[in-house]
Amino acid sequence: MILKGTNLKLSFGGLVAVNNVSFEIEEKTIFGIIGPNGAGKTTLFNIISGVYKPQTGTLNFKDKNITNMPIYKRARLGIARTHQIVKPLGELTVIENVMVGACFGKKNYNLKQAQSVALDVINFVGLSSKIFTLANQLNVAFKKRLELARALANEPEILLLDEVLAGLNPKEVDNMLEIILKIKQNGITIIIIEHLMHAIMKISD
């Protein structure tokens, strides 16, 4: 087991966003999370990644208690994520964006090493033709791939994907699903939030 949550709870004032949630996720699997808007899915991701600390409950990564661990330490452990609303650094090129991910991941890469990792990841997600394009000039589908590439450049053991298929047309969805399955084949555990039921049922374990 790579990640275990036990009785996680988080409230904002009188609103209970995550209510006694428990889960166990096996290594090298795809774990799907579904639910209506406002159900607390992204809040759960924020707890796992370290944006929020739960008011009660515990979170364990490989039997290590990370409940109160800050974001940057979780990234160094091997937890990376994408966001529901993609947030590339618009005035930087594709490769510069991905190098940022490499520099702040598990290993302390220098610029040359970060560039090498970035090139590999960019090729993996199919962005080689856009390598020197500014991020703010990309369409939605390519921005999604860039967000994914930046997370992969962290060389994570767990990858949190927050609605990575949202806004994509059917062909783009199929292409992204292929990439996600290849990520799993590379031994990375994936936790995915998605509203496209046919897609999440197709890839989840």
N, C-alpha and C. Protein backbone atom coordinates (compact mmCIF):
# COMPACT_ATOMS: atom_id res chain seq x y z
N MET A 1 0.84 -1.20 0.00
CA MET A 1 0.00 0.00 0.00
C MET A 1 0.88 1.26 0.00
N ILE A 2 0.54 2.20 -0.89
CA ILE A 2 1.37 3.40 -1.00
C ILE A 2 0.76 4.60 -0.28
N LEU A 3 -0.57 4.64 -0.18
CA LEU A 3 -1.22 5.80 0.47
C LEU A 3 -2.44 5.33 1.23
N LYS A 4 -2.55 5.80 2.47
CA LYS A 4 -3.69 5.44 3.31
C LYS A 4 -4.21 6.67 4.05
N GLY A 5 -5.50 6.92 3.90
CA GLY A 5 -6.16 7.99 4.65
C GLY A 5 -7.13 7.37 5.65
N THR A 6 -7.15 7.90 6.86
CA THR A 6 -8.01 7.35 7.91
C THR A 6 -8.82 8.45 8.56
N ASN A 7 -10.14 8.38 8.40
CA ASN A 7 -11.07 9.31 9.06
C ASN A 7 -10.70 10.78 8.86
N LEU A 8 -10.38 11.14 7.63
CA LEU A 8 -10.00 12.52 7.32
C LEU A 8 -11.24 13.42 7.33
N LYS A 9 -11.12 14.54 8.01
CA LYS A 9 -12.23 15.49 8.08
C LYS A 9 -11.70 16.90 7.99
N LEU A 10 -12.39 17.73 7.19
CA LEU A 10 -12.03 19.14 7.07
C LEU A 10 -13.28 19.96 6.84
N SER A 11 -13.45 21.00 7.66
CA SER A 11 -14.61 21.89 7.54
C SER A 11 -14.14 23.31 7.32
N PHE A 12 -14.96 24.06 6.60
CA PHE A 12 -14.74 25.50 6.42
C PHE A 12 -15.93 26.21 7.05
N GLY A 13 -15.76 26.70 8.27
CA GLY A 13 -16.90 27.25 8.98
C GLY A 13 -17.90 26.14 9.26
N GLY A 14 -19.13 26.34 8.82
CA GLY A 14 -20.16 25.32 9.02
C GLY A 14 -20.25 24.32 7.89
N LEU A 15 -19.42 24.49 6.86
CA LEU A 15 -19.45 23.59 5.70
C LEU A 15 -18.45 22.46 5.88
N VAL A 16 -18.95 21.24 5.93
CA VAL A 16 -18.08 20.07 6.02
C VAL A 16 -17.71 19.66 4.60
N ALA A 17 -16.45 19.88 4.22
CA ALA A 17 -16.00 19.58 2.86
C ALA A 17 -15.57 18.13 2.70
N VAL A 18 -14.89 17.61 3.70
CA VAL A 18 -14.45 16.20 3.71
C VAL A 18 -14.86 15.63 5.05
N ASN A 19 -15.67 14.57 5.03
CA ASN A 19 -16.29 14.07 6.25
C ASN A 19 -15.91 12.62 6.53
N ASN A 20 -14.92 12.44 7.40
CA ASN A 20 -14.50 11.10 7.82
C ASN A 20 -14.21 10.16 6.65
N VAL A 21 -13.39 10.63 5.74
CA VAL A 21 -13.03 9.84 4.55
C VAL A 21 -11.85 8.93 4.87
N SER A 22 -11.99 7.66 4.51
CA SER A 22 -10.91 6.69 4.65
C SER A 22 -10.70 5.97 3.33
N PHE A 23 -9.46 5.65 3.03
CA PHE A 23 -9.14 4.94 1.79
C PHE A 23 -7.79 4.27 1.91
N GLU A 24 -7.59 3.25 1.08
CA GLU A 24 -6.30 2.58 0.96
C GLU A 24 -6.01 2.41 -0.52
N ILE A 25 -4.85 2.86 -0.96
CA ILE A 25 -4.51 2.83 -2.39
C ILE A 25 -3.25 1.99 -2.59
N GLU A 26 -3.38 0.99 -3.44
CA GLU A 26 -2.26 0.11 -3.72
C GLU A 26 -1.30 0.76 -4.72
N GLU A 27 -0.05 0.38 -4.62
CA GLU A 27 0.98 0.92 -5.49
C GLU A 27 0.76 0.50 -6.94
N LYS A 28 1.08 1.40 -7.87
CA LYS A 28 1.04 1.16 -9.32
C LYS A 28 -0.36 0.83 -9.82
N THR A 29 -1.37 1.48 -9.22
CA THR A 29 -2.75 1.34 -9.67
C THR A 29 -3.31 2.71 -10.05
N ILE A 30 -4.49 2.68 -10.69
CA ILE A 30 -5.24 3.91 -10.96
C ILE A 30 -6.48 3.89 -10.09
N PHE A 31 -6.59 4.88 -9.21
CA PHE A 31 -7.68 4.98 -8.25
C PHE A 31 -8.57 6.14 -8.65
N GLY A 32 -9.82 5.85 -9.04
CA GLY A 32 -10.73 6.88 -9.52
C GLY A 32 -11.62 7.43 -8.42
N ILE A 33 -11.84 8.74 -8.44
CA ILE A 33 -12.73 9.42 -7.50
C ILE A 33 -13.82 10.14 -8.30
N ILE A 34 -15.07 9.83 -7.99
CA ILE A 34 -16.18 10.48 -8.68
C ILE A 34 -17.10 11.13 -7.65
N GLY A 35 -17.96 12.03 -8.14
CA GLY A 35 -18.90 12.69 -7.26
C GLY A 35 -19.33 14.02 -7.85
N PRO A 36 -20.46 14.55 -7.40
CA PRO A 36 -20.95 15.82 -7.94
C PRO A 36 -20.07 16.98 -7.53
N ASN A 37 -20.25 18.12 -8.20
CA ASN A 37 -19.53 19.33 -7.82
C ASN A 37 -19.85 19.68 -6.36
N GLY A 38 -18.83 20.06 -5.62
CA GLY A 38 -19.03 20.41 -4.23
C GLY A 38 -18.97 19.24 -3.26
N ALA A 39 -18.65 18.05 -3.78
CA ALA A 39 -18.61 16.87 -2.91
C ALA A 39 -17.33 16.78 -2.10
N GLY A 40 -16.33 17.62 -2.42
CA GLY A 40 -15.10 17.62 -1.64
C GLY A 40 -13.94 16.89 -2.29
N LYS A 41 -14.06 16.59 -3.58
CA LYS A 41 -13.01 15.83 -4.27
C LYS A 41 -11.69 16.61 -4.34
N THR A 42 -11.77 17.85 -4.81
CA THR A 42 -10.55 18.65 -4.91
C THR A 42 -10.01 18.99 -3.53
N THR A 43 -10.89 19.17 -2.55
CA THR A 43 -10.44 19.41 -1.18
C THR A 43 -9.64 18.21 -0.67
N LEU A 44 -10.09 17.00 -1.01
CA LEU A 44 -9.34 15.81 -0.63
C LEU A 44 -7.95 15.82 -1.27
N PHE A 45 -7.88 16.21 -2.54
CA PHE A 45 -6.57 16.35 -3.19
C PHE A 45 -5.70 17.37 -2.47
N ASN A 46 -6.32 18.46 -2.01
CA ASN A 46 -5.57 19.49 -1.29
C ASN A 46 -5.04 18.97 0.04
N ILE A 47 -5.77 18.05 0.65
CA ILE A 47 -5.28 17.41 1.88
C ILE A 47 -4.11 16.49 1.57
N ILE A 48 -4.25 15.69 0.51
CA ILE A 48 -3.19 14.74 0.14
C ILE A 48 -1.91 15.47 -0.25
N SER A 49 -2.06 16.57 -0.99
CA SER A 49 -0.87 17.29 -1.48
C SER A 49 -0.28 18.23 -0.44
N GLY A 50 -1.05 18.54 0.61
CA GLY A 50 -0.52 19.37 1.69
C GLY A 50 -0.98 20.81 1.69
N VAL A 51 -1.88 21.17 0.79
CA VAL A 51 -2.42 22.53 0.78
C VAL A 51 -3.21 22.79 2.07
N TYR A 52 -4.03 21.81 2.46
CA TYR A 52 -4.80 21.89 3.70
C TYR A 52 -4.37 20.77 4.64
N LYS A 53 -4.48 21.04 5.93
CA LYS A 53 -4.29 19.99 6.94
C LYS A 53 -5.67 19.58 7.46
N PRO A 54 -5.92 18.30 7.58
CA PRO A 54 -7.23 17.87 8.10
C PRO A 54 -7.36 18.23 9.57
N GLN A 55 -8.60 18.46 9.98
CA GLN A 55 -8.83 18.76 11.40
C GLN A 55 -8.77 17.49 12.24
N THR A 56 -9.16 16.39 11.63
CA THR A 56 -9.02 15.09 12.29
C THR A 56 -8.59 14.08 11.24
N GLY A 57 -8.07 12.96 11.72
CA GLY A 57 -7.65 11.89 10.82
C GLY A 57 -6.17 11.91 10.51
N THR A 58 -5.72 10.87 9.84
CA THR A 58 -4.30 10.74 9.50
C THR A 58 -4.12 10.36 8.04
N LEU A 59 -2.96 10.73 7.50
CA LEU A 59 -2.60 10.39 6.13
C LEU A 59 -1.21 9.78 6.15
N ASN A 60 -1.09 8.58 5.56
CA ASN A 60 0.18 7.87 5.56
C ASN A 60 0.63 7.56 4.14
N PHE A 61 1.90 7.88 3.87
CA PHE A 61 2.54 7.55 2.59
C PHE A 61 3.59 6.49 2.87
N LYS A 62 3.37 5.29 2.35
CA LYS A 62 4.30 4.17 2.61
C LYS A 62 4.57 4.01 4.11
N ASP A 63 3.50 4.02 4.89
CA ASP A 63 3.57 3.83 6.34
C ASP A 63 4.21 5.00 7.08
N LYS A 64 4.53 6.08 6.38
CA LYS A 64 5.07 7.28 7.03
C LYS A 64 3.94 8.29 7.22
N ASN A 65 3.77 8.77 8.43
CA ASN A 65 2.71 9.73 8.71
C ASN A 65 3.09 11.09 8.12
N ILE A 66 2.30 11.55 7.15
CA ILE A 66 2.59 12.84 6.50
C ILE A 66 1.48 13.86 6.75
N THR A 67 0.62 13.59 7.74
CA THR A 67 -0.56 14.43 7.98
C THR A 67 -0.21 15.90 8.11
N ASN A 68 0.88 16.21 8.78
CA ASN A 68 1.27 17.60 9.03
C ASN A 68 2.49 18.04 8.22
N MET A 69 2.86 17.24 7.24
CA MET A 69 4.05 17.54 6.43
C MET A 69 3.74 18.64 5.42
N PRO A 70 4.61 19.65 5.26
CA PRO A 70 4.36 20.73 4.29
C PRO A 70 4.44 20.26 2.84
N ILE A 71 3.90 21.09 1.95
CA ILE A 71 3.79 20.73 0.53
C ILE A 71 5.13 20.33 -0.07
N TYR A 72 6.16 21.15 0.16
CA TYR A 72 7.43 20.91 -0.53
C TYR A 72 8.06 19.59 -0.11
N LYS A 73 7.85 19.19 1.15
CA LYS A 73 8.38 17.90 1.59
C LYS A 73 7.61 16.74 0.97
N ARG A 74 6.32 16.92 0.76
CA ARG A 74 5.53 15.87 0.09
C ARG A 74 5.97 15.73 -1.36
N ALA A 75 6.27 16.87 -1.99
CA ALA A 75 6.77 16.81 -3.37
C ALA A 75 8.09 16.06 -3.43
N ARG A 76 8.94 16.29 -2.46
CA ARG A 76 10.23 15.60 -2.41
C ARG A 76 10.06 14.11 -2.13
N LEU A 77 8.99 13.76 -1.40
CA LEU A 77 8.70 12.35 -1.15
C LEU A 77 8.23 11.65 -2.42
N GLY A 78 7.56 12.42 -3.29
CA GLY A 78 7.08 11.82 -4.53
C GLY A 78 5.59 11.97 -4.79
N ILE A 79 4.99 13.04 -4.26
CA ILE A 79 3.57 13.33 -4.52
C ILE A 79 3.48 14.57 -5.41
N ALA A 80 2.91 14.40 -6.59
CA ALA A 80 2.75 15.52 -7.53
C ALA A 80 1.29 15.59 -7.97
N ARG A 81 0.90 16.75 -8.50
CA ARG A 81 -0.51 16.91 -8.89
C ARG A 81 -0.67 17.86 -10.06
N THR A 82 -1.82 17.73 -10.71
CA THR A 82 -2.28 18.75 -11.64
C THR A 82 -3.46 19.46 -10.98
N HIS A 83 -3.90 20.56 -11.59
CA HIS A 83 -4.98 21.34 -11.01
C HIS A 83 -6.20 21.36 -11.94
N GLN A 84 -7.35 21.52 -11.32
CA GLN A 84 -8.61 21.57 -12.06
C GLN A 84 -8.58 22.70 -13.09
N ILE A 85 -8.06 23.83 -12.70
CA ILE A 85 -7.83 24.94 -13.63
C ILE A 85 -6.33 25.00 -13.87
N VAL A 86 -5.93 24.76 -15.12
CA VAL A 86 -4.49 24.68 -15.41
C VAL A 86 -3.82 26.02 -15.13
N LYS A 87 -2.62 25.93 -14.56
CA LYS A 87 -1.91 27.14 -14.12
C LYS A 87 -0.47 27.15 -14.63
N PRO A 88 -0.28 27.17 -15.95
CA PRO A 88 1.10 27.26 -16.45
C PRO A 88 1.66 28.66 -16.22
N LEU A 89 2.98 28.76 -16.26
CA LEU A 89 3.63 30.07 -16.19
C LEU A 89 3.61 30.64 -17.60
N GLY A 90 2.64 31.51 -17.86
CA GLY A 90 2.29 31.92 -19.21
C GLY A 90 3.39 32.55 -20.03
N GLU A 91 4.30 33.28 -19.39
CA GLU A 91 5.36 33.98 -20.11
C GLU A 91 6.62 33.13 -20.27
N LEU A 92 6.56 31.89 -19.81
CA LEU A 92 7.66 30.96 -20.01
C LEU A 92 7.31 29.97 -21.12
N THR A 93 8.33 29.43 -21.76
CA THR A 93 8.10 28.43 -22.80
C THR A 93 7.71 27.10 -22.17
N VAL A 94 7.30 26.18 -23.03
CA VAL A 94 6.93 24.84 -22.57
C VAL A 94 8.09 24.20 -21.80
N ILE A 95 9.28 24.22 -22.39
CA ILE A 95 10.41 23.56 -21.72
C ILE A 95 10.77 24.26 -20.41
N GLU A 96 10.66 25.57 -20.36
CA GLU A 96 10.96 26.28 -19.12
C GLU A 96 9.96 25.91 -18.02
N ASN A 97 8.69 25.80 -18.39
CA ASN A 97 7.67 25.38 -17.43
C ASN A 97 7.98 24.01 -16.85
N VAL A 98 8.35 23.08 -17.72
CA VAL A 98 8.60 21.71 -17.27
C VAL A 98 9.89 21.64 -16.45
N MET A 99 10.87 22.46 -16.80
CA MET A 99 12.11 22.50 -16.02
C MET A 99 11.85 22.96 -14.59
N VAL A 100 10.88 23.85 -14.41
CA VAL A 100 10.51 24.27 -13.06
C VAL A 100 10.07 23.07 -12.24
N GLY A 101 9.25 22.21 -12.86
CA GLY A 101 8.82 20.99 -12.17
C GLY A 101 9.99 20.10 -11.81
N ALA A 102 10.94 19.97 -12.72
CA ALA A 102 12.11 19.11 -12.47
C ALA A 102 12.99 19.67 -11.35
N CYS A 103 13.11 20.98 -11.29
CA CYS A 103 13.98 21.60 -10.28
C CYS A 103 13.41 21.50 -8.87
N PHE A 104 12.09 21.37 -8.75
CA PHE A 104 11.47 21.35 -7.43
C PHE A 104 10.86 20.00 -7.09
N GLY A 105 11.34 18.94 -7.73
CA GLY A 105 10.84 17.61 -7.48
C GLY A 105 11.66 16.85 -6.46
N LYS A 106 11.73 15.53 -6.65
CA LYS A 106 12.38 14.65 -5.68
C LYS A 106 13.88 14.86 -5.59
N LYS A 107 14.49 15.26 -6.71
CA LYS A 107 15.95 15.35 -6.76
C LYS A 107 16.39 16.79 -6.99
N ASN A 108 17.53 17.14 -6.46
CA ASN A 108 18.06 18.50 -6.60
C ASN A 108 18.84 18.61 -7.91
N TYR A 109 18.12 18.69 -9.02
CA TYR A 109 18.77 18.77 -10.32
C TYR A 109 19.36 20.16 -10.56
N ASN A 110 20.51 20.19 -11.25
CA ASN A 110 20.99 21.46 -11.77
C ASN A 110 20.26 21.75 -13.08
N LEU A 111 20.52 22.89 -13.70
CA LEU A 111 19.76 23.28 -14.88
C LEU A 111 19.94 22.31 -16.05
N LYS A 112 21.15 21.81 -16.23
CA LYS A 112 21.40 20.88 -17.32
C LYS A 112 20.63 19.58 -17.11
N GLN A 113 20.64 19.08 -15.90
CA GLN A 113 19.89 17.86 -15.59
C GLN A 113 18.39 18.08 -15.72
N ALA A 114 17.92 19.24 -15.24
CA ALA A 114 16.49 19.57 -15.34
C ALA A 114 16.05 19.66 -16.79
N GLN A 115 16.91 20.21 -17.64
CA GLN A 115 16.58 20.30 -19.06
C GLN A 115 16.47 18.92 -19.69
N SER A 116 17.35 18.02 -19.31
CA SER A 116 17.31 16.66 -19.84
C SER A 116 16.03 15.94 -19.43
N VAL A 117 15.66 16.07 -18.16
CA VAL A 117 14.42 15.47 -17.67
C VAL A 117 13.22 16.08 -18.39
N ALA A 118 13.23 17.40 -18.54
CA ALA A 118 12.13 18.10 -19.19
C ALA A 118 11.95 17.64 -20.63
N LEU A 119 13.03 17.48 -21.36
CA LEU A 119 12.95 17.03 -22.75
C LEU A 119 12.33 15.65 -22.84
N ASP A 120 12.72 14.76 -21.93
CA ASP A 120 12.15 13.40 -21.93
C ASP A 120 10.65 13.43 -21.67
N VAL A 121 10.25 14.22 -20.68
CA VAL A 121 8.84 14.28 -20.30
C VAL A 121 8.00 14.95 -21.39
N ILE A 122 8.54 16.00 -21.99
CA ILE A 122 7.83 16.69 -23.08
C ILE A 122 7.59 15.74 -24.24
N ASN A 123 8.57 14.95 -24.57
CA ASN A 123 8.41 13.95 -25.63
C ASN A 123 7.36 12.91 -25.23
N PHE A 124 7.37 12.50 -23.98
CA PHE A 124 6.45 11.48 -23.48
C PHE A 124 4.99 11.91 -23.63
N VAL A 125 4.70 13.19 -23.34
CA VAL A 125 3.31 13.66 -23.41
C VAL A 125 2.93 14.21 -24.78
N GLY A 126 3.86 14.16 -25.73
CA GLY A 126 3.55 14.58 -27.09
C GLY A 126 3.56 16.08 -27.32
N LEU A 127 4.47 16.77 -26.64
CA LEU A 127 4.56 18.23 -26.79
C LEU A 127 5.84 18.68 -27.47
N SER A 128 6.54 17.76 -28.11
CA SER A 128 7.84 18.10 -28.70
C SER A 128 7.76 19.24 -29.72
N SER A 129 6.65 19.30 -30.44
CA SER A 129 6.51 20.34 -31.47
C SER A 129 6.26 21.73 -30.86
N LYS A 130 5.99 21.77 -29.55
CA LYS A 130 5.65 23.04 -28.88
C LYS A 130 6.72 23.46 -27.87
N ILE A 131 7.88 22.88 -27.96
CA ILE A 131 8.88 23.01 -26.90
C ILE A 131 9.27 24.46 -26.59
N PHE A 132 9.33 25.31 -27.62
CA PHE A 132 9.72 26.71 -27.40
C PHE A 132 8.53 27.67 -27.51
N THR A 133 7.32 27.12 -27.48
CA THR A 133 6.11 27.94 -27.50
C THR A 133 5.82 28.47 -26.10
N LEU A 134 5.40 29.73 -26.02
CA LEU A 134 5.00 30.28 -24.72
C LEU A 134 3.75 29.57 -24.24
N ALA A 135 3.69 29.30 -22.95
CA ALA A 135 2.57 28.54 -22.39
C ALA A 135 1.23 29.22 -22.64
N ASN A 136 1.21 30.56 -22.62
CA ASN A 136 -0.07 31.25 -22.81
C ASN A 136 -0.56 31.24 -24.25
N GLN A 137 0.24 30.67 -25.15
CA GLN A 137 -0.18 30.55 -26.55
C GLN A 137 -0.72 29.16 -26.88
N LEU A 138 -0.72 28.27 -25.90
CA LEU A 138 -1.21 26.91 -26.12
C LEU A 138 -2.73 26.85 -26.00
N ASN A 139 -3.35 25.92 -26.73
CA ASN A 139 -4.78 25.70 -26.55
C ASN A 139 -5.01 24.86 -25.29
N VAL A 140 -6.27 24.62 -24.96
CA VAL A 140 -6.60 23.92 -23.71
C VAL A 140 -5.97 22.53 -23.66
N ALA A 141 -6.06 21.78 -24.75
CA ALA A 141 -5.54 20.41 -24.76
C ALA A 141 -4.04 20.39 -24.50
N PHE A 142 -3.31 21.30 -25.12
CA PHE A 142 -1.86 21.34 -24.92
C PHE A 142 -1.49 21.88 -23.53
N LYS A 143 -2.31 22.80 -23.01
CA LYS A 143 -2.06 23.27 -21.64
C LYS A 143 -2.24 22.13 -20.63
N LYS A 144 -3.23 21.27 -20.89
CA LYS A 144 -3.43 20.10 -20.02
C LYS A 144 -2.21 19.19 -20.07
N ARG A 145 -1.67 18.99 -21.26
CA ARG A 145 -0.48 18.15 -21.39
C ARG A 145 0.73 18.79 -20.70
N LEU A 146 0.82 20.11 -20.82
CA LEU A 146 1.92 20.82 -20.16
C LEU A 146 1.82 20.67 -18.65
N GLU A 147 0.62 20.84 -18.12
CA GLU A 147 0.41 20.67 -16.68
C GLU A 147 0.83 19.26 -16.24
N LEU A 148 0.46 18.28 -17.05
CA LEU A 148 0.82 16.89 -16.77
C LEU A 148 2.33 16.70 -16.83
N ALA A 149 2.96 17.28 -17.85
CA ALA A 149 4.42 17.15 -18.01
C ALA A 149 5.15 17.77 -16.83
N ARG A 150 4.68 18.91 -16.38
CA ARG A 150 5.34 19.58 -15.25
C ARG A 150 5.25 18.73 -13.98
N ALA A 151 4.11 18.06 -13.79
CA ALA A 151 3.98 17.17 -12.64
C ALA A 151 4.88 15.94 -12.78
N LEU A 152 4.94 15.39 -13.98
CA LEU A 152 5.78 14.21 -14.22
C LEU A 152 7.26 14.52 -14.06
N ALA A 153 7.65 15.75 -14.33
CA ALA A 153 9.05 16.14 -14.19
C ALA A 153 9.51 16.07 -12.74
N ASN A 154 8.56 16.04 -11.80
CA ASN A 154 8.89 15.84 -10.39
C ASN A 154 9.35 14.41 -10.12
N GLU A 155 9.15 13.54 -11.11
CA GLU A 155 9.43 12.11 -10.96
C GLU A 155 8.69 11.52 -9.76
N PRO A 156 7.35 11.67 -9.77
CA PRO A 156 6.55 11.27 -8.61
C PRO A 156 6.33 9.76 -8.52
N GLU A 157 5.96 9.35 -7.32
CA GLU A 157 5.47 7.98 -7.12
C GLU A 157 3.95 7.97 -7.12
N ILE A 158 3.35 9.10 -6.72
CA ILE A 158 1.90 9.27 -6.78
C ILE A 158 1.60 10.52 -7.58
N LEU A 159 0.68 10.39 -8.53
CA LEU A 159 0.28 11.52 -9.37
C LEU A 159 -1.21 11.76 -9.18
N LEU A 160 -1.57 12.97 -8.74
CA LEU A 160 -2.96 13.36 -8.54
C LEU A 160 -3.44 14.14 -9.76
N LEU A 161 -4.44 13.62 -10.45
CA LEU A 161 -4.96 14.25 -11.66
C LEU A 161 -6.36 14.79 -11.39
N ASP A 162 -6.50 16.11 -11.41
CA ASP A 162 -7.77 16.76 -11.09
C ASP A 162 -8.46 17.21 -12.37
N GLU A 163 -9.41 16.39 -12.84
CA GLU A 163 -10.20 16.68 -14.04
C GLU A 163 -9.32 17.02 -15.24
N VAL A 164 -8.35 16.17 -15.49
CA VAL A 164 -7.41 16.40 -16.59
C VAL A 164 -8.08 16.26 -17.95
N LEU A 165 -9.28 15.66 -17.99
CA LEU A 165 -10.00 15.48 -19.26
C LEU A 165 -11.02 16.59 -19.52
N ALA A 166 -11.24 17.47 -18.56
CA ALA A 166 -12.25 18.52 -18.70
C ALA A 166 -11.90 19.46 -19.85
N GLY A 167 -12.88 19.77 -20.68
CA GLY A 167 -12.68 20.71 -21.78
C GLY A 167 -12.07 20.11 -23.03
N LEU A 168 -11.82 18.80 -23.03
CA LEU A 168 -11.22 18.15 -24.19
C LEU A 168 -12.29 17.54 -25.08
N ASN A 169 -12.03 17.53 -26.40
CA ASN A 169 -12.96 16.86 -27.31
C ASN A 169 -12.70 15.35 -27.27
N PRO A 170 -13.58 14.53 -27.86
CA PRO A 170 -13.43 13.07 -27.75
C PRO A 170 -12.07 12.53 -28.18
N LYS A 171 -11.51 13.05 -29.26
CA LYS A 171 -10.19 12.59 -29.71
C LYS A 171 -9.12 12.96 -28.69
N GLU A 172 -9.20 14.17 -28.16
CA GLU A 172 -8.23 14.62 -27.16
C GLU A 172 -8.34 13.80 -25.88
N VAL A 173 -9.58 13.43 -25.52
CA VAL A 173 -9.79 12.57 -24.36
C VAL A 173 -9.10 11.22 -24.55
N ASP A 174 -9.30 10.62 -25.73
CA ASP A 174 -8.66 9.32 -26.01
C ASP A 174 -7.14 9.43 -25.95
N ASN A 175 -6.60 10.52 -26.49
CA ASN A 175 -5.14 10.71 -26.46
C ASN A 175 -4.63 10.84 -25.02
N MET A 176 -5.38 11.58 -24.21
CA MET A 176 -4.96 11.75 -22.81
C MET A 176 -5.06 10.44 -22.04
N LEU A 177 -6.10 9.66 -22.31
CA LEU A 177 -6.23 8.36 -21.64
C LEU A 177 -5.06 7.44 -21.97
N GLU A 178 -4.61 7.49 -23.22
CA GLU A 178 -3.44 6.70 -23.61
C GLU A 178 -2.21 7.12 -22.81
N ILE A 179 -2.03 8.42 -22.64
CA ILE A 179 -0.89 8.92 -21.87
C ILE A 179 -0.99 8.46 -20.41
N ILE A 180 -2.20 8.55 -19.84
CA ILE A 180 -2.39 8.15 -18.45
C ILE A 180 -2.06 6.68 -18.25
N LEU A 181 -2.50 5.84 -19.17
CA LEU A 181 -2.21 4.41 -19.06
C LEU A 181 -0.72 4.13 -19.20
N LYS A 182 -0.04 4.90 -20.03
CA LYS A 182 1.42 4.74 -20.16
C LYS A 182 2.13 5.16 -18.87
N ILE A 183 1.59 6.19 -18.22
CA ILE A 183 2.16 6.61 -16.94
C ILE A 183 2.06 5.48 -15.92
N LYS A 184 0.90 4.82 -15.89
CA LYS A 184 0.72 3.69 -14.98
C LYS A 184 1.71 2.57 -15.32
N GLN A 185 1.89 2.31 -16.60
CA GLN A 185 2.82 1.26 -17.03
C GLN A 185 4.25 1.56 -16.57
N ASN A 186 4.55 2.83 -16.37
CA ASN A 186 5.87 3.23 -15.88
C ASN A 186 6.00 3.11 -14.37
N GLY A 187 4.95 2.59 -13.72
CA GLY A 187 5.03 2.30 -12.30
C GLY A 187 4.58 3.40 -11.37
N ILE A 188 3.89 4.40 -11.90
CA ILE A 188 3.41 5.51 -11.08
C ILE A 188 1.97 5.26 -10.66
N THR A 189 1.69 5.44 -9.38
CA THR A 189 0.33 5.34 -8.87
C THR A 189 -0.43 6.61 -9.23
N ILE A 190 -1.66 6.45 -9.72
CA ILE A 190 -2.46 7.59 -10.17
C ILE A 190 -3.77 7.65 -9.39
N ILE A 191 -4.08 8.83 -8.88
CA ILE A 191 -5.39 9.09 -8.29
C ILE A 191 -6.04 10.15 -9.16
N ILE A 192 -7.21 9.84 -9.72
CA ILE A 192 -7.81 10.73 -10.70
C ILE A 192 -9.23 11.11 -10.31
N ILE A 193 -9.51 12.41 -10.36
CA ILE A 193 -10.86 12.95 -10.22
C ILE A 193 -11.39 13.21 -11.62
N GLU A 194 -12.59 12.72 -11.91
CA GLU A 194 -13.12 12.91 -13.25
C GLU A 194 -14.64 12.84 -13.25
N HIS A 195 -15.26 13.57 -14.17
CA HIS A 195 -16.71 13.53 -14.34
C HIS A 195 -17.13 12.66 -15.52
N LEU A 196 -16.19 12.34 -16.42
CA LEU A 196 -16.52 11.49 -17.56
C LEU A 196 -16.52 10.04 -17.10
N MET A 197 -17.72 9.51 -16.84
CA MET A 197 -17.84 8.18 -16.26
C MET A 197 -17.23 7.10 -17.14
N HIS A 198 -17.48 7.18 -18.45
CA HIS A 198 -16.97 6.13 -19.34
C HIS A 198 -15.44 6.11 -19.32
N ALA A 199 -14.85 7.28 -19.17
CA ALA A 199 -13.39 7.37 -19.17
C ALA A 199 -12.80 6.82 -17.88
N ILE A 200 -13.37 7.22 -16.74
CA ILE A 200 -12.81 6.78 -15.47
C ILE A 200 -13.03 5.29 -15.25
N MET A 201 -14.15 4.76 -15.76
CA MET A 201 -14.40 3.32 -15.64
C MET A 201 -13.45 2.53 -16.54
N LYS A 202 -13.04 3.14 -17.63
CA LYS A 202 -12.16 2.46 -18.58
C LYS A 202 -10.75 2.27 -18.02
N ILE A 203 -10.28 3.23 -17.23
CA ILE A 203 -8.88 3.18 -16.82
C ILE A 203 -8.67 2.82 -15.35
N SER A 204 -9.70 2.96 -14.52
CA SER A 204 -9.51 2.74 -13.08
C SER A 204 -9.40 1.25 -12.74
N ASP A 205 -8.59 0.98 -11.71
CA ASP A 205 -8.48 -0.39 -11.20
C ASP A 205 -9.53 -0.67 -10.13
